[in-house]
Structure formats: structure tokens, C-alpha cells
C-alpha atoms as a PDB file:
ATOM      1  CA  UNK A   1      67.543 176.903   2.298  1.00  0.00           C
ATOM      2  CA  UNK A   2      70.529 176.866  -0.016  1.00  0.00           C
ATOM      3  CA  UNK A   3      70.661 174.150  -2.672  1.00  0.00           C
ATOM      4  CA  UNK A   4      71.787 173.365  -6.189  1.00  0.00           C
ATOM      5  CA  UNK A   5      68.871 170.856  -6.452  1.00  0.00           C
ATOM      6  CA  UNK A   6      71.374 168.160  -7.376  1.00  0.00           C
ATOM      7  CA  UNK A   7      73.605 167.153  -4.490  1.00  0.00           C
ATOM      8  CA  UNK A   8      73.174 169.067  -1.254  1.00  0.00           C
ATOM      9  CA  UNK A   9      70.309 171.059   0.236  1.00  0.00           C
ATOM     10  CA  UNK A  10      71.538 172.750   3.406  1.00  0.00           C
ATOM     11  CA  UNK A  11      69.339 174.289   6.057  1.00  0.00           C
ATOM     12  CA  UNK A  12      70.425 176.131   9.190  1.00  0.00           C
ATOM     13  CA  UNK A  13      69.513 178.997  11.482  1.00  0.00           C
ATOM     14  CA  UNK A  14      65.820 178.151  11.529  1.00  0.00           C
ATOM     15  CA  UNK A  15      64.081 178.998  14.765  1.00  0.00           C
ATOM     16  CA  UNK A  16      60.547 179.286  16.016  1.00  0.00           C
ATOM     17  CA  UNK A  17      59.771 182.234  18.268  1.00  0.00           C
ATOM     18  CA  UNK A  18      58.851 181.185  21.778  1.00  0.00           C
ATOM     19  CA  UNK A  19      55.255 182.368  21.492  1.00  0.00           C
ATOM     20  CA  UNK A  20      54.763 180.207  18.373  1.00  0.00           C
ATOM     21  CA  UNK A  21      56.374 176.999  19.624  1.00  0.00           C
ATOM     22  CA  UNK A  22      54.265 173.915  20.082  1.00  0.00           C
ATOM     23  CA  UNK A  23      52.029 174.728  17.113  1.00  0.00           C
ATOM     24  CA  UNK A  24      53.616 172.261  14.703  1.00  0.00           C
ATOM     25  CA  UNK A  25      55.436 174.782  12.498  1.00  0.00           C
ATOM     26  CA  UNK A  26      58.749 172.916  12.555  1.00  0.00           C
ATOM     27  CA  UNK A  27      56.986 169.657  11.667  1.00  0.00           C
ATOM     28  CA  UNK A  28      55.196 171.430   8.800  1.00  0.00           C
ATOM     29  CA  UNK A  29      58.529 172.741   7.557  1.00  0.00           C
ATOM     30  CA  UNK A  30      60.116 169.285   7.671  1.00  0.00           C
ATOM     31  CA  UNK A  31      57.115 167.774   5.876  1.00  0.00           C
ATOM     32  CA  UNK A  32      57.319 170.410   3.130  1.00  0.00           C
ATOM     33  CA  UNK A  33      61.045 169.828   2.685  1.00  0.00           C
ATOM     34  CA  UNK A  34      60.617 166.048   2.545  1.00  0.00           C
ATOM     35  CA  UNK A  35      57.777 166.331   0.023  1.00  0.00           C
ATOM     36  CA  UNK A  36      59.435 168.884  -2.281  1.00  0.00           C
ATOM     37  CA  UNK A  37      59.851 167.087  -5.641  1.00  0.00           C
ATOM     38  CA  UNK A  38      62.956 169.067  -6.649  1.00  0.00           C
ATOM     39  CA  UNK A  39      64.767 167.834  -3.526  1.00  0.00           C
ATOM     40  CA  UNK A  40      63.994 164.140  -4.119  1.00  0.00           C
ATOM     41  CA  UNK A  41      66.980 163.727  -6.444  1.00  0.00           C
ATOM     42  CA  UNK A  42      69.460 165.208  -3.948  1.00  0.00           C
ATOM     43  CA  UNK A  43      71.904 162.751  -2.459  1.00  0.00           C
ATOM     44  CA  UNK A  44      72.257 164.422   0.967  1.00  0.00           C
ATOM     45  CA  UNK A  45      70.055 166.712   3.051  1.00  0.00           C
ATOM     46  CA  UNK A  46      72.034 168.583   5.694  1.00  0.00           C
ATOM     47  CA  UNK A  47      70.692 170.245   8.832  1.00  0.00           C
ATOM     48  CA  UNK A  48      72.909 172.171  11.212  1.00  0.00           C
ATOM     49  CA  UNK A  49      71.189 172.251  14.591  1.00  0.00           C
ATOM     50  CA  UNK A  50      71.990 172.703  18.249  1.00  0.00           C
ATOM     51  CA  UNK A  51      68.821 171.214  19.686  1.00  0.00           C
ATOM     52  CA  UNK A  52      65.593 169.566  18.472  1.00  0.00           C
ATOM     53  CA  UNK A  53      67.414 166.410  17.341  1.00  0.00           C
ATOM     54  CA  UNK A  54      64.245 164.396  17.903  1.00  0.00           C
ATOM     55  CA  UNK A  55      62.448 166.545  15.330  1.00  0.00           C
ATOM     56  CA  UNK A  56      64.889 165.881  12.528  1.00  0.00           C
END
């Protein structure tokens, strides 16, 4: 993740290897990002994704 901890955290190019999919890793990542205190003050959180729109 790239961020200045003020305005815009930006995450992209995250993938879960096929053999590890379905184990909740992406949900754990999203939970950790949403609970990170330093990111709470950011105005925008940007994800660049091709699929998995229902996850984000």
C-alpha cells in the first residue's frame, strides 16, 4: 500500500494464489485496512481492481 496517511491510501496488484483462495485472506486484508488507525483520517481509500468487486 502506498499512502501519505493524510489524503489517499492506494492499493493495487494484490492477488491471492489459486491454492490459497477461499481461506478468507482477502477479507482479513480488508478488515486490517479498515481497522488501521492511521488510515482513519484519510479522505479517500482507492482500490484498483479487475474482479472481486463484491469483496470491496
